[in-house]
PDB file of all heavy atoms in Angstrom:
ATOM      1  N   THR A   1       0.849  -1.185   0.000  1.00  0.00           N
ATOM      2  CA  THR A   1       0.000   0.000   0.000  1.00  0.00           C
ATOM      3  C   THR A   1       0.886   1.237   0.000  1.00  0.00           C
ATOM      4  O   THR A   1       2.014   1.203   0.518  1.00  0.00           O
ATOM      5  CB  THR A   1      -0.977   0.003   1.195  1.00  0.00           C
ATOM      6  OG1 THR A   1      -1.984   1.010   0.988  1.00  0.00           O
ATOM      7  CG2 THR A   1      -0.260   0.260   2.516  1.00  0.00           C
ATOM      8  N   TYR A   2       0.384   2.319  -0.600  1.00  0.00           N
ATOM      9  CA  TYR A   2       1.194   3.526  -0.829  1.00  0.00           C
ATOM     10  C   TYR A   2       0.639   4.726  -0.068  1.00  0.00           C
ATOM     11  O   TYR A   2      -0.558   5.027  -0.146  1.00  0.00           O
ATOM     12  CB  TYR A   2       1.245   3.838  -2.323  1.00  0.00           C
ATOM     13  CG  TYR A   2       1.784   5.215  -2.653  1.00  0.00           C
ATOM     14  CD1 TYR A   2       3.142   5.496  -2.497  1.00  0.00           C
ATOM     15  CD2 TYR A   2       0.940   6.222  -3.110  1.00  0.00           C
ATOM     16  CE1 TYR A   2       3.634   6.767  -2.782  1.00  0.00           C
ATOM     17  CE2 TYR A   2       1.431   7.488  -3.407  1.00  0.00           C
ATOM     18  CZ  TYR A   2       2.777   7.753  -3.232  1.00  0.00           C
ATOM     19  OH  TYR A   2       3.262   9.004  -3.518  1.00  0.00           O
ATOM     20  N   HIS A   3       1.519   5.406   0.660  1.00  0.00           N
ATOM     21  CA  HIS A   3       1.167   6.642   1.371  1.00  0.00           C
ATOM     22  C   HIS A   3       1.751   7.839   0.626  1.00  0.00           C
ATOM     23  O   HIS A   3       2.973   7.969   0.501  1.00  0.00           O
ATOM     24  CB  HIS A   3       1.724   6.620   2.803  1.00  0.00           C
ATOM     25  CG  HIS A   3       1.689   7.956   3.481  1.00  0.00           C
ATOM     26  ND1 HIS A   3       0.513   8.626   3.756  1.00  0.00           N
ATOM     27  CD2 HIS A   3       2.691   8.760   3.929  1.00  0.00           C
ATOM     28  CE1 HIS A   3       0.784   9.776   4.343  1.00  0.00           C
ATOM     29  NE2 HIS A   3       2.098   9.884   4.455  1.00  0.00           N
ATOM     30  N   PRO A   4       0.904   8.733   0.092  1.00  0.00           N
ATOM     31  CA  PRO A   4       1.408   9.935  -0.581  1.00  0.00           C
ATOM     32  C   PRO A   4       1.784  10.993   0.454  1.00  0.00           C
ATOM     33  O   PRO A   4       0.911  11.529   1.146  1.00  0.00           O
ATOM     34  CB  PRO A   4       0.209  10.378  -1.435  1.00  0.00           C
ATOM     35  CG  PRO A   4      -0.988   9.883  -0.692  1.00  0.00           C
ATOM     36  CD  PRO A   4      -0.569   8.632   0.033  1.00  0.00           C
ATOM     37  N   THR A   5       3.040  11.274   0.578  1.00  0.00           N
ATOM     38  CA  THR A   5       3.491  12.218   1.600  1.00  0.00           C
ATOM     39  C   THR A   5       3.058  13.639   1.260  1.00  0.00           C
ATOM     40  O   THR A   5       2.879  13.987   0.103  1.00  0.00           O
ATOM     41  CB  THR A   5       5.019  12.155   1.759  1.00  0.00           C
ATOM     42  OG1 THR A   5       5.636  12.584   0.536  1.00  0.00           O
ATOM     43  CG2 THR A   5       5.471  10.741   2.069  1.00  0.00           C
ATOM     44  N   CYS A   6       2.896  14.448   2.298  1.00  0.00           N
ATOM     45  CA  CYS A   6       2.291  15.778   2.132  1.00  0.00           C
ATOM     46  C   CYS A   6       3.054  16.676   1.160  1.00  0.00           C
ATOM     47  O   CYS A   6       2.453  17.291   0.277  1.00  0.00           O
ATOM     48  CB  CYS A   6       2.183  16.468   3.482  1.00  0.00           C
ATOM     49  SG  CYS A   6       0.932  15.751   4.563  1.00  0.00           S
ATOM     50  N   HIS A   7       4.361  16.790   1.300  1.00  0.00           N
ATOM     51  CA  HIS A   7       5.124  17.691   0.436  1.00  0.00           C
ATOM     52  C   HIS A   7       5.144  17.202  -1.012  1.00  0.00           C
ATOM     53  O   HIS A   7       5.065  18.000  -1.943  1.00  0.00           O
ATOM     54  CB  HIS A   7       6.547  17.861   0.960  1.00  0.00           C
ATOM     55  CG  HIS A   7       6.629  18.797   2.125  1.00  0.00           C
ATOM     56  ND1 HIS A   7       7.781  18.969   2.859  1.00  0.00           N
ATOM     57  CD2 HIS A   7       5.701  19.608   2.691  1.00  0.00           C
ATOM     58  CE1 HIS A   7       7.566  19.852   3.822  1.00  0.00           C
ATOM     59  NE2 HIS A   7       6.302  20.243   3.735  1.00  0.00           N
ATOM     60  N   SER A   8       5.233  15.887  -1.194  1.00  0.00           N
ATOM     61  CA  SER A   8       5.219  15.371  -2.565  1.00  0.00           C
ATOM     62  C   SER A   8       3.856  15.602  -3.201  1.00  0.00           C
ATOM     63  O   SER A   8       3.755  15.910  -4.389  1.00  0.00           O
ATOM     64  CB  SER A   8       5.571  13.889  -2.585  1.00  0.00           C
ATOM     65  OG  SER A   8       4.566  13.112  -1.956  1.00  0.00           O
ATOM     66  N   LEU A   9       2.808  15.495  -2.399  1.00  0.00           N
ATOM     67  CA  LEU A   9       1.448  15.639  -2.912  1.00  0.00           C
ATOM     68  C   LEU A   9       1.078  17.101  -3.133  1.00  0.00           C
ATOM     69  O   LEU A   9       0.553  17.478  -4.186  1.00  0.00           O
ATOM     70  CB  LEU A   9       0.471  14.994  -1.916  1.00  0.00           C
ATOM     71  CG  LEU A   9      -0.997  14.940  -2.314  1.00  0.00           C
ATOM     72  CD1 LEU A   9      -1.191  13.973  -3.474  1.00  0.00           C
ATOM     73  CD2 LEU A   9      -1.837  14.495  -1.107  1.00  0.00           C
ATOM     74  N   ARG A  10       1.371  17.945  -2.136  1.00  0.00           N
ATOM     75  CA  ARG A  10       0.852  19.316  -2.145  1.00  0.00           C
ATOM     76  C   ARG A  10       1.859  20.366  -2.606  1.00  0.00           C
ATOM     77  O   ARG A  10       1.466  21.403  -3.147  1.00  0.00           O
ATOM     78  CB  ARG A  10       0.336  19.671  -0.750  1.00  0.00           C
ATOM     79  CG  ARG A  10      -0.814  18.778  -0.310  1.00  0.00           C
ATOM     80  CD  ARG A  10      -1.267  19.053   1.112  1.00  0.00           C
ATOM     81  NE  ARG A  10      -2.437  18.237   1.449  1.00  0.00           N
ATOM     82  CZ  ARG A  10      -2.377  17.010   1.948  1.00  0.00           C
ATOM     83  NH1 ARG A  10      -1.187  16.458   2.175  1.00  0.00           N
ATOM     84  NH2 ARG A  10      -3.465  16.326   2.217  1.00  0.00           N
ATOM     85  N   MET A  11       3.137  20.130  -2.375  1.00  0.00           N
ATOM     86  CA  MET A  11       4.125  21.144  -2.734  1.00  0.00           C
ATOM     87  C   MET A  11       4.645  20.962  -4.152  1.00  0.00           C
ATOM     88  O   MET A  11       4.679  21.920  -4.930  1.00  0.00           O
ATOM     89  CB  MET A  11       5.289  21.144  -1.747  1.00  0.00           C
ATOM     90  CG  MET A  11       6.325  22.219  -2.023  1.00  0.00           C
ATOM     91  SD  MET A  11       7.676  22.268  -0.812  1.00  0.00           S
ATOM     92  CE  MET A  11       6.827  22.960   0.609  1.00  0.00           C
ATOM     93  N   ILE A  12       5.055  19.751  -4.510  1.00  0.00           N
ATOM     94  CA  ILE A  12       5.618  19.570  -5.854  1.00  0.00           C
ATOM     95  C   ILE A  12       4.675  18.821  -6.785  1.00  0.00           C
ATOM     96  O   ILE A  12       4.949  18.704  -7.975  1.00  0.00           O
ATOM     97  CB  ILE A  12       6.991  18.874  -5.803  1.00  0.00           C
ATOM     98  CG1 ILE A  12       6.897  17.498  -5.159  1.00  0.00           C
ATOM     99  CG2 ILE A  12       8.001  19.734  -5.063  1.00  0.00           C
ATOM    100  CD1 ILE A  12       8.206  16.732  -5.212  1.00  0.00           C
ATOM    101  N   GLY A  13       3.557  18.316  -6.267  1.00  0.00           N
ATOM    102  CA  GLY A  13       2.524  17.750  -7.125  1.00  0.00           C
ATOM    103  C   GLY A  13       2.920  16.512  -7.902  1.00  0.00           C
ATOM    104  O   GLY A  13       2.717  16.455  -9.115  1.00  0.00           O
ATOM    105  N   VAL A  14       3.455  15.504  -7.218  1.00  0.00           N
ATOM    106  CA  VAL A  14       3.831  14.283  -7.942  1.00  0.00           C
ATOM    107  C   VAL A  14       2.605  13.512  -8.441  1.00  0.00           C
ATOM    108  O   VAL A  14       2.715  12.669  -9.336  1.00  0.00           O
ATOM    109  CB  VAL A  14       4.720  13.341  -7.088  1.00  0.00           C
ATOM    110  CG1 VAL A  14       5.995  14.028  -6.666  1.00  0.00           C
ATOM    111  CG2 VAL A  14       3.973  12.798  -5.887  1.00  0.00           C
ATOM    112  N   GLY A  15       1.449  13.797  -7.867  1.00  0.00           N
ATOM    113  CA  GLY A  15       0.223  13.181  -8.357  1.00  0.00           C
ATOM    114  C   GLY A  15       0.256  11.664  -8.323  1.00  0.00           C
ATOM    115  O   GLY A  15       0.655  11.063  -7.330  1.00  0.00           O
ATOM    116  N   ASP A  16      -0.139  11.050  -9.446  1.00  0.00           N
ATOM    117  CA  ASP A  16      -0.224   9.595  -9.488  1.00  0.00           C
ATOM    118  C   ASP A  16       1.038   8.940 -10.025  1.00  0.00           C
ATOM    119  O   ASP A  16       1.042   7.739 -10.301  1.00  0.00           O
ATOM    120  CB  ASP A  16      -1.424   9.157 -10.331  1.00  0.00           C
ATOM    121  CG  ASP A  16      -1.261   9.488 -11.814  1.00  0.00           C
ATOM    122  OD1 ASP A  16      -0.339  10.256 -12.166  1.00  0.00           O
ATOM    123  OD2 ASP A  16      -2.058   8.974 -12.621  1.00  0.00           O
ATOM    124  N   ARG A  17       2.112   9.685 -10.178  1.00  0.00           N
ATOM    125  CA  ARG A  17       3.336   9.100 -10.740  1.00  0.00           C
ATOM    126  C   ARG A  17       3.823   7.884  -9.951  1.00  0.00           C
ATOM    127  O   ARG A  17       4.144   6.843 -10.544  1.00  0.00           O
ATOM    128  CB  ARG A  17       4.440  10.160 -10.848  1.00  0.00           C
ATOM    129  CG  ARG A  17       4.138  11.266 -11.864  1.00  0.00           C
ATOM    130  CD  ARG A  17       5.182  12.373 -11.759  1.00  0.00           C
ATOM    131  NE  ARG A  17       4.937  13.482 -12.656  1.00  0.00           N
ATOM    132  CZ  ARG A  17       4.097  14.490 -12.394  1.00  0.00           C
ATOM    133  NH1 ARG A  17       3.406  14.490 -11.243  1.00  0.00           N
ATOM    134  NH2 ARG A  17       3.937  15.477 -13.246  1.00  0.00           N
ATOM    135  N   PRO A  18       3.907   7.958  -8.607  1.00  0.00           N
ATOM    136  CA  PRO A  18       4.334   6.759  -7.872  1.00  0.00           C
ATOM    137  C   PRO A  18       3.401   5.576  -8.070  1.00  0.00           C
ATOM    138  O   PRO A  18       3.850   4.425  -8.178  1.00  0.00           O
ATOM    139  CB  PRO A  18       4.330   7.233  -6.410  1.00  0.00           C
ATOM    140  CG  PRO A  18       4.524   8.713  -6.495  1.00  0.00           C
ATOM    141  CD  PRO A  18       3.757   9.121  -7.710  1.00  0.00           C
ATOM    142  N   LEU A  19       2.105   5.836  -8.142  1.00  0.00           N
ATOM    143  CA  LEU A  19       1.146   4.755  -8.345  1.00  0.00           C
ATOM    144  C   LEU A  19       1.284   4.134  -9.732  1.00  0.00           C
ATOM    145  O   LEU A  19       1.143   2.917  -9.896  1.00  0.00           O
ATOM    146  CB  LEU A  19      -0.282   5.273  -8.137  1.00  0.00           C
ATOM    147  CG  LEU A  19      -0.636   5.660  -6.704  1.00  0.00           C
ATOM    148  CD1 LEU A  19      -1.999   6.342  -6.662  1.00  0.00           C
ATOM    149  CD2 LEU A  19      -0.612   4.447  -5.784  1.00  0.00           C
ATOM    150  N   ARG A  20       1.570   4.960 -10.721  1.00  0.00           N
ATOM    151  CA  ARG A  20       1.781   4.441 -12.075  1.00  0.00           C
ATOM    152  C   ARG A  20       3.020   3.547 -12.117  1.00  0.00           C
ATOM    153  O   ARG A  20       3.027   2.498 -12.772  1.00  0.00           O
ATOM    154  CB  ARG A  20       1.908   5.593 -13.064  1.00  0.00           C
ATOM    155  CG  ARG A  20       0.594   6.323 -13.299  1.00  0.00           C
ATOM    156  CD  ARG A  20       0.788   7.703 -13.872  1.00  0.00           C
ATOM    157  NE  ARG A  20       1.408   7.698 -15.195  1.00  0.00           N
ATOM    158  CZ  ARG A  20       1.805   8.792 -15.818  1.00  0.00           C
ATOM    159  NH1 ARG A  20       1.662   9.984 -15.229  1.00  0.00           N
ATOM    160  NH2 ARG A  20       2.348   8.715 -17.018  1.00  0.00           N
ATOM    161  N   LEU A  21       4.051   3.950 -11.416  1.00  0.00           N
ATOM    162  CA  LEU A  21       5.265   3.144 -11.350  1.00  0.00           C
ATOM    163  C   LEU A  21       5.014   1.833 -10.613  1.00  0.00           C
ATOM    164  O   LEU A  21       5.454   0.759 -11.048  1.00  0.00           O
ATOM    165  CB  LEU A  21       6.381   3.934 -10.663  1.00  0.00           C
ATOM    166  CG  LEU A  21       6.948   5.117 -11.458  1.00  0.00           C
ATOM    167  CD1 LEU A  21       7.646   6.106 -10.540  1.00  0.00           C
ATOM    168  CD2 LEU A  21       7.916   4.622 -12.531  1.00  0.00           C
ATOM    169  N   LEU A  22       4.304   1.907  -9.489  1.00  0.00           N
ATOM    170  CA  LEU A  22       4.021   0.702  -8.706  1.00  0.00           C
ATOM    171  C   LEU A  22       3.108  -0.255  -9.462  1.00  0.00           C
ATOM    172  O   LEU A  22       3.269  -1.477  -9.379  1.00  0.00           O
ATOM    173  CB  LEU A  22       3.381   1.097  -7.368  1.00  0.00           C
ATOM    174  CG  LEU A  22       4.308   1.765  -6.353  1.00  0.00           C
ATOM    175  CD1 LEU A  22       3.501   2.367  -5.209  1.00  0.00           C
ATOM    176  CD2 LEU A  22       5.343   0.776  -5.815  1.00  0.00           C
ATOM    177  N   SER A  23       2.164   0.298 -10.208  1.00  0.00           N
ATOM    178  CA  SER A  23       1.216  -0.548 -10.954  1.00  0.00           C
ATOM    179  C   SER A  23       1.909  -1.383 -12.025  1.00  0.00           C
ATOM    180  O   SER A  23       1.389  -2.423 -12.441  1.00  0.00           O
ATOM    181  CB  SER A  23       0.134   0.325 -11.598  1.00  0.00           C
ATOM    182  OG  SER A  23      -0.644   0.964 -10.608  1.00  0.00           O
ATOM    183  N   ALA A  24       3.082  -0.916 -12.473  1.00  0.00           N
ATOM    184  CA  ALA A  24       3.813  -1.632 -13.520  1.00  0.00           C
ATOM    185  C   ALA A  24       4.804  -2.647 -12.965  1.00  0.00           C
ATOM    186  O   ALA A  24       5.457  -3.360 -13.733  1.00  0.00           O
ATOM    187  CB  ALA A  24       4.550  -0.636 -14.412  1.00  0.00           C
ATOM    188  N   VAL A  25       4.923  -2.733 -11.645  1.00  0.00           N
ATOM    189  CA  VAL A  25       5.870  -3.675 -11.032  1.00  0.00           C
ATOM    190  C   VAL A  25       5.276  -5.082 -11.064  1.00  0.00           C
ATOM    191  O   VAL A  25       4.191  -5.330 -10.537  1.00  0.00           O
ATOM    192  CB  VAL A  25       6.187  -3.265  -9.579  1.00  0.00           C
ATOM    193  CG1 VAL A  25       7.082  -4.322  -8.910  1.00  0.00           C
ATOM    194  CG2 VAL A  25       6.870  -1.901  -9.547  1.00  0.00           C
ATOM    195  N   ARG A  26       5.981  -6.008 -11.656  1.00  0.00           N
ATOM    196  CA  ARG A  26       5.497  -7.384 -11.761  1.00  0.00           C
ATOM    197  C   ARG A  26       5.462  -8.043 -10.379  1.00  0.00           C
ATOM    198  O   ARG A  26       6.367  -7.875  -9.578  1.00  0.00           O
ATOM    199  CB  ARG A  26       6.393  -8.191 -12.701  1.00  0.00           C
ATOM    200  CG  ARG A  26       6.243  -7.793 -14.149  1.00  0.00           C
ATOM    201  CD  ARG A  26       7.060  -8.648 -15.094  1.00  0.00           C
ATOM    202  NE  ARG A  26       8.487  -8.629 -14.768  1.00  0.00           N
ATOM    203  CZ  ARG A  26       9.152  -9.659 -14.265  1.00  0.00           C
ATOM    204  NH1 ARG A  26       8.552 -10.805 -14.042  1.00  0.00           N
ATOM    205  NH2 ARG A  26      10.443  -9.553 -14.005  1.00  0.00           N
ATOM    206  N   GLY A  27       4.368  -8.776 -10.149  1.00  0.00           N
ATOM    207  CA  GLY A  27       4.215  -9.508  -8.896  1.00  0.00           C
ATOM    208  C   GLY A  27       3.662  -8.686  -7.752  1.00  0.00           C
ATOM    209  O   GLY A  27       3.279  -9.238  -6.716  1.00  0.00           O
ATOM    210  N   LEU A  28       3.592  -7.368  -7.914  1.00  0.00           N
ATOM    211  CA  LEU A  28       3.154  -6.490  -6.829  1.00  0.00           C
ATOM    212  C   LEU A  28       1.636  -6.384  -6.802  1.00  0.00           C
ATOM    213  O   LEU A  28       1.001  -6.120  -7.826  1.00  0.00           O
ATOM    214  CB  LEU A  28       3.793  -5.108  -6.984  1.00  0.00           C
ATOM    215  CG  LEU A  28       3.608  -4.112  -5.833  1.00  0.00           C
ATOM    216  CD1 LEU A  28       4.838  -3.212  -5.716  1.00  0.00           C
ATOM    217  CD2 LEU A  28       2.363  -3.238  -6.034  1.00  0.00           C
ATOM    218  N   ASP A  29       1.063  -6.570  -5.636  1.00  0.00           N
ATOM    219  CA  ASP A  29      -0.378  -6.432  -5.426  1.00  0.00           C
ATOM    220  C   ASP A  29      -0.601  -5.088  -4.728  1.00  0.00           C
ATOM    221  O   ASP A  29      -0.338  -4.955  -3.525  1.00  0.00           O
ATOM    222  CB  ASP A  29      -0.889  -7.595  -4.567  1.00  0.00           C
ATOM    223  CG  ASP A  29      -2.397  -7.574  -4.376  1.00  0.00           C
ATOM    224  OD1 ASP A  29      -3.083  -6.776  -5.055  1.00  0.00           O
ATOM    225  OD2 ASP A  29      -2.895  -8.344  -3.526  1.00  0.00           O
ATOM    226  N   LEU A  30      -1.056  -4.086  -5.488  1.00  0.00           N
ATOM    227  CA  LEU A  30      -1.193  -2.721  -4.974  1.00  0.00           C
ATOM    228  C   LEU A  30      -2.572  -2.533  -4.354  1.00  0.00           C
ATOM    229  O   LEU A  30      -3.598  -2.678  -5.020  1.00  0.00           O
ATOM    230  CB  LEU A  30      -0.964  -1.714  -6.098  1.00  0.00           C
ATOM    231  CG  LEU A  30      -0.976  -0.230  -5.724  1.00  0.00           C
ATOM    232  CD1 LEU A  30       0.099   0.082  -4.693  1.00  0.00           C
ATOM    233  CD2 LEU A  30      -0.781   0.624  -6.977  1.00  0.00           C
ATOM    234  N   ILE A  31      -2.597  -2.182  -3.068  1.00  0.00           N
ATOM    235  CA  ILE A  31      -3.837  -2.026  -2.309  1.00  0.00           C
ATOM    236  C   ILE A  31      -4.055  -0.550  -1.996  1.00  0.00           C
ATOM    237  O   ILE A  31      -3.146   0.134  -1.516  1.00  0.00           O
ATOM    238  CB  ILE A  31      -3.773  -2.818  -0.978  1.00  0.00           C
ATOM    239  CG1 ILE A  31      -3.345  -4.264  -1.230  1.00  0.00           C
ATOM    240  CG2 ILE A  31      -5.116  -2.750  -0.259  1.00  0.00           C
ATOM    241  CD1 ILE A  31      -4.252  -5.042  -2.129  1.00  0.00           C
ATOM    242  N   ASP A  32      -5.255  -0.053  -2.261  1.00  0.00           N
ATOM    243  CA  ASP A  32      -5.562   1.339  -1.942  1.00  0.00           C
ATOM    244  C   ASP A  32      -5.511   1.574  -0.438  1.00  0.00           C
ATOM    245  O   ASP A  32      -6.013   0.758   0.357  1.00  0.00           O
ATOM    246  CB  ASP A  32      -6.964   1.704  -2.446  1.00  0.00           C
ATOM    247  CG  ASP A  32      -7.031   1.792  -3.960  1.00  0.00           C
ATOM    248  OD1 ASP A  32      -5.972   1.980  -4.587  1.00  0.00           O
ATOM    249  OD2 ASP A  32      -8.140   1.666  -4.507  1.00  0.00           O
ATOM    250  N   LEU A  33      -4.922   2.694  -0.050  1.00  0.00           N
ATOM    251  CA  LEU A  33      -4.837   3.077   1.359  1.00  0.00           C
ATOM    252  C   LEU A  33      -6.018   3.978   1.702  1.00  0.00           C
ATOM    253  O   LEU A  33      -6.177   5.040   1.091  1.00  0.00           O
ATOM    254  CB  LEU A  33      -3.514   3.808   1.622  1.00  0.00           C
ATOM    255  CG  LEU A  33      -3.301   4.342   3.039  1.00  0.00           C
ATOM    256  CD1 LEU A  33      -3.207   3.187   4.038  1.00  0.00           C
ATOM    257  CD2 LEU A  33      -2.034   5.203   3.103  1.00  0.00           C
ATOM    258  N   PRO A  34      -6.857   3.607   2.669  1.00  0.00           N
ATOM    259  CA  PRO A  34      -7.956   4.488   3.071  1.00  0.00           C
ATOM    260  C   PRO A  34      -7.426   5.834   3.575  1.00  0.00           C
ATOM    261  O   PRO A  34      -6.377   5.895   4.226  1.00  0.00           O
ATOM    262  CB  PRO A  34      -8.638   3.711   4.204  1.00  0.00           C
ATOM    263  CG  PRO A  34      -8.252   2.282   3.987  1.00  0.00           C
ATOM    264  CD  PRO A  34      -6.873   2.331   3.416  1.00  0.00           C
ATOM    265  N   GLU A  35      -8.146   6.901   3.264  1.00  0.00           N
ATOM    266  CA  GLU A  35      -7.774   8.253   3.704  1.00  0.00           C
ATOM    267  C   GLU A  35      -6.313   8.541   3.378  1.00  0.00           C
ATOM    268  O   GLU A  35      -5.581   9.138   4.171  1.00  0.00           O
ATOM    269  CB  GLU A  35      -8.031   8.413   5.203  1.00  0.00           C
ATOM    270  CG  GLU A  35      -9.472   8.178   5.615  1.00  0.00           C
ATOM    271  CD  GLU A  35      -9.690   8.222   7.112  1.00  0.00           C
ATOM    272  OE1 GLU A  35      -9.034   9.045   7.791  1.00  0.00           O
ATOM    273  OE2 GLU A  35     -10.501   7.427   7.615  1.00  0.00           O
ATOM    274  N   ALA A  36      -5.915   8.136   2.179  1.00  0.00           N
ATOM    275  CA  ALA A  36      -4.498   8.187   1.804  1.00  0.00           C
ATOM    276  C   ALA A  36      -3.898   9.579   1.913  1.00  0.00           C
ATOM    277  O   ALA A  36      -2.747   9.739   2.328  1.00  0.00           O
ATOM    278  CB  ALA A  36      -4.331   7.654   0.377  1.00  0.00           C
ATOM    279  N   GLU A  37      -4.651  10.611   1.553  1.00  0.00           N
ATOM    280  CA  GLU A  37      -4.088  11.953   1.489  1.00  0.00           C
ATOM    281  C   GLU A  37      -4.038  12.663   2.836  1.00  0.00           C
ATOM    282  O   GLU A  37      -3.606  13.803   2.924  1.00  0.00           O
ATOM    283  CB  GLU A  37      -4.861  12.793   0.473  1.00  0.00           C
ATOM    284  CG  GLU A  37      -4.730  12.267  -0.953  1.00  0.00           C
ATOM    285  CD  GLU A  37      -5.377  13.159  -1.986  1.00  0.00           C
ATOM    286  OE1 GLU A  37      -5.888  14.242  -1.611  1.00  0.00           O
ATOM    287  OE2 GLU A  37      -5.373  12.788  -3.176  1.00  0.00           O
ATOM    288  N   THR A  38      -4.458  11.979   3.893  1.00  0.00           N
ATOM    289  CA  THR A  38      -4.360  12.546   5.237  1.00  0.00           C
ATOM    290  C   THR A  38      -2.923  12.456   5.732  1.00  0.00           C
ATOM    291  O   THR A  38      -2.265  11.433   5.576  1.00  0.00           O
ATOM    292  CB  THR A  38      -5.287  11.790   6.211  1.00  0.00           C
ATOM    293  OG1 THR A  38      -6.628  11.884   5.738  1.00  0.00           O
ATOM    294  CG2 THR A  38      -5.192  12.376   7.614  1.00  0.00           C
ATOM    295  N   CYS A  39      -2.441  13.525   6.348  1.00  0.00           N
ATOM    296  CA  CYS A  39      -1.059  13.590   6.851  1.00  0.00           C
ATOM    297  C   CYS A  39      -0.802  12.542   7.921  1.00  0.00           C
ATOM    298  O   CYS A  39      -1.680  12.223   8.727  1.00  0.00           O
ATOM    299  CB  CYS A  39      -0.805  14.995   7.416  1.00  0.00           C
ATOM    300  SG  CYS A  39       0.845  15.229   8.097  1.00  0.00           S
ATOM    301  N   CYS A  40       0.417  12.020   7.951  1.00  0.00           N
ATOM    302  CA  CYS A  40       0.780  11.022   8.959  1.00  0.00           C
ATOM    303  C   CYS A  40       1.153  11.651  10.292  1.00  0.00           C
ATOM    304  O   CYS A  40       1.298  10.956  11.295  1.00  0.00           O
ATOM    305  CB  CYS A  40       1.932  10.152   8.458  1.00  0.00           C
ATOM    306  SG  CYS A  40       3.542  10.994   8.404  1.00  0.00           S
ATOM    307  N   GLY A  41       1.370  12.972  10.304  1.00  0.00           N
ATOM    308  CA  GLY A  41       1.684  13.652  11.551  1.00  0.00           C
ATOM    309  C   GLY A  41       3.153  13.919  11.792  1.00  0.00           C
ATOM    310  O   GLY A  41       3.532  14.471  12.827  1.00  0.00           O
ATOM    311  N   PHE A  42       4.011  13.541  10.834  1.00  0.00           N
ATOM    312  CA  PHE A  42       5.447  13.762  11.064  1.00  0.00           C
ATOM    313  C   PHE A  42       5.811  15.241  10.876  1.00  0.00           C
ATOM    314  O   PHE A  42       6.058  15.954  11.834  1.00  0.00           O
ATOM    315  CB  PHE A  42       6.289  12.873  10.153  1.00  0.00           C
ATOM    316  CG  PHE A  42       7.770  13.043  10.381  1.00  0.00           C
ATOM    317  CD1 PHE A  42       8.329  12.658  11.583  1.00  0.00           C
ATOM    318  CD2 PHE A  42       8.580  13.599   9.405  1.00  0.00           C
ATOM    319  CE1 PHE A  42       9.698  12.831  11.815  1.00  0.00           C
ATOM    320  CE2 PHE A  42       9.939  13.764   9.627  1.00  0.00           C
ATOM    321  CZ  PHE A  42      10.499  13.389  10.825  1.00  0.00           C
TER     322      PHE A  42
END
């Protein structure tokens, strides 16, 4: 599962690029993270 970090999401706007890369990885089972865009608190 993938956590979009705040600065990558909001400051530089990486968008779905990491997900596109992960989706192309063979053997990887990509699971959606609930409330993914919520900050982790770091």
